[in-house]
Every structure is written in structure tokens, then in C-alpha cells.
Protein backbone atom coordinates (compact mmCIF):
# COMPACT_ATOMS: atom_id res chain seq x y z
CA MET A 1 22.80 14.46 20.54
CA LYS A 2 19.65 16.22 21.78
CA LYS A 3 18.12 16.05 18.31
CA ARG A 4 18.88 12.36 17.94
CA SER A 5 17.44 11.51 21.36
CA LEU A 6 14.23 13.38 20.53
CA LEU A 7 13.92 11.59 17.22
CA ILE A 8 14.54 8.22 18.87
CA ALA A 9 11.91 9.13 21.43
CA ALA A 10 9.50 10.15 18.70
CA ALA A 11 10.15 7.05 16.69
CA SER A 12 9.61 4.78 19.60
CA CYS A 13 6.36 6.46 20.28
CA PHE A 14 4.84 5.60 17.04
CA ILE A 15 4.11 2.00 17.30
CA VAL A 16 1.71 1.77 20.17
CA PHE A 17 -1.97 2.33 20.96
CA ALA A 18 -5.40 1.50 22.09
CA PRO A 19 -6.58 -1.29 24.26
CA ALA A 20 -3.84 -3.66 25.16
CA ALA A 21 -3.79 -6.73 23.01
CA TYR A 22 -3.90 -10.01 24.87
CA GLY A 23 -2.19 -12.98 23.33
CA ARG A 24 -0.53 -13.08 19.95
CA SER A 25 -1.13 -10.06 17.74
CA ALA A 26 -1.30 -10.01 13.93
CA TYR A 27 1.37 -7.27 14.13
CA ASP A 28 3.86 -9.22 16.26
CA GLY A 29 7.40 -9.28 14.92
CA SER A 30 10.22 -6.96 13.97
CA TRP A 31 9.42 -3.61 12.32
CA GLU A 32 11.79 -1.09 10.72
CA LEU A 33 10.73 2.49 11.47
CA VAL A 34 11.74 5.64 9.61
CA PHE A 35 10.97 9.04 11.15
CA VAL A 36 11.11 12.15 9.02
CA THR A 37 11.18 15.65 10.53
CA GLN A 38 9.04 18.18 8.67
CA ARG A 39 9.12 21.00 11.22
CA GLY A 40 11.66 21.94 13.86
CA ALA A 41 15.39 21.53 14.40
CA CYS A 42 15.53 17.73 14.87
CA ASP A 43 17.59 15.45 12.64
CA SER A 44 16.05 15.26 9.16
CA SER A 45 15.41 11.53 9.49
CA TYR A 46 16.18 8.58 11.69
CA SER A 47 15.52 4.86 11.46
CA PHE A 48 15.63 1.92 13.85
CA THR A 49 13.98 -1.42 14.56
CA VAL A 50 11.35 -2.20 17.20
CA ASP A 51 9.70 -5.45 18.23
CA VAL A 52 5.99 -6.03 18.71
CA THR A 53 5.05 -8.89 21.05
CA ASN A 54 1.44 -9.57 21.98
CA GLY A 55 0.58 -6.11 20.63
CA ILE A 56 3.14 -4.36 22.87
CA VAL A 57 5.94 -2.42 21.18
CA THR A 58 9.42 -2.50 22.69
CA HIS A 59 12.89 -1.13 22.05
CA PRO A 60 15.83 -2.35 24.18
CA ASN A 61 17.27 1.14 24.85
CA LEU A 62 14.11 3.02 25.83
CA VAL A 63 12.99 2.89 29.44
CA LYS A 64 9.99 5.25 29.50
CA PHE A 65 8.21 3.96 26.46
CA ARG A 66 4.50 3.19 26.40
CA GLY A 67 2.19 1.94 23.73
CA TYR A 68 0.22 -0.81 22.05
CA VAL A 69 -0.99 -1.86 18.66
CA ALA A 70 -4.75 -2.41 18.60
CA LYS A 71 -6.30 -5.37 16.79
CA SER A 72 -7.40 -2.89 14.10
CA GLY A 73 -3.77 -1.86 13.53
CA ALA A 74 -4.28 1.55 15.14
CA VAL A 75 -1.14 2.57 16.95
CA ARG A 76 -0.28 5.25 19.49
CA ALA A 77 2.82 5.64 21.59
CA SER A 78 4.74 8.01 23.80
CA VAL A 79 8.29 8.12 25.08
CA THR A 80 10.24 10.24 27.54
CA VAL A 81 14.05 10.47 27.60
CA GLN A 82 15.26 12.95 30.22
CA ASP A 83 13.79 16.35 29.17
CA LYS A 84 12.68 15.04 25.78
CA TYR A 85 9.18 13.81 25.02
CA ALA A 86 7.51 12.55 21.86
CA THR A 87 4.17 11.07 20.91
CA GLY A 88 2.78 9.62 17.74
CA ALA A 89 -0.12 7.81 16.17
CA GLY A 90 -0.94 5.99 12.99
CA LYS A 91 -1.97 2.67 11.50
CA LEU A 92 -0.27 -0.60 10.65
CA SER A 93 -1.31 -3.06 7.97
CA ALA A 94 0.03 -6.60 7.57
CA THR A 95 3.39 -5.43 6.16
CA SER A 96 3.63 -1.64 6.48
CA GLY A 97 2.36 1.40 8.32
CA GLN A 98 2.43 5.16 8.59
CA GLY A 99 1.51 8.00 10.90
CA THR A 100 2.57 11.30 12.40
CA TRP A 101 4.66 12.31 15.40
CA ARG A 102 5.41 15.43 17.45
CA GLY A 103 7.68 16.12 20.36
CA HIS A 104 9.86 18.54 22.26
CA SER A 105 13.32 18.80 23.70
CA GLY A 106 13.39 21.52 26.32
CA THR A 107 11.70 24.42 24.54
CA GLY A 108 12.41 23.14 21.01
CA ARG A 109 9.52 21.55 19.13
CA CYS A 110 9.62 19.10 16.21
CA SER A 111 7.07 17.16 14.20
CA GLY A 112 6.80 15.01 11.12
CA TYR A 113 5.69 11.64 9.83
CA TRP A 114 6.82 8.04 10.24
CA THR A 115 6.66 4.92 8.14
CA ALA A 116 6.99 1.28 9.16
CA ARG A 117 7.91 -1.87 7.28
CA ARG A 118 7.73 -5.39 8.66
CA ASN A 119 11.14 -7.11 8.63
């Protein structure tokens, strides 16, 4: 459960960055994210869907989630779920994206990469 929460936190972190976008963003819509752990004891991979609206990334089950997609497609995000924290950065194009993430759960550390595909 701890591993899954950290991965969800990490995943959610990865689609947000830079100056807040005002008005409709070229990246608005539904995106499928896949997070892959390369180091640490987190689940090997996890996927879920997020929504981007006006450049702001949201997920219905994450309360402490923060991030934005810049007009350039640069993305940075962070999420906190209890004692778990994750952050990530990367870049989106019109239909896909990729980046890296890192996080911790208590004293355990994990990191890896993420990919995104527009639904």
C-alpha cells in the first residue's frame, strides 16, 4: 500500500510546472500516465489518468497536488500523501510526453521515469 501511494504521488507530480497558464492550454484534456520505478522499493510501474484544464493538472483522489503545464509544454509537479512525497519534471508535446520523478515514503527513496499519452 505504501509503495502504491508513493507511486501515485509521484505520478501525479509529473504533469505540472512553470508559470500558471491562463485560459485554455494546448495541453488541456485527459492524459494517461505511466510511471516506471528504476531505483528503490516502489511498485515496478503504475498507470492512471489525469486531466489538464487551463494548464492545471488534476486528479480526483489527490488533495495535496500542485503543478502546471507551461505554454512550452514544460511540466513540473509535486504531491504529498501523508508521509509520502514525490516530485517530477518533464515535457509534453501535442500527443505525448516524458520525464523523470523521485520521491520518498518515510525513509525509503524511489525514482524513475514517466511517460504520458493524450487520451
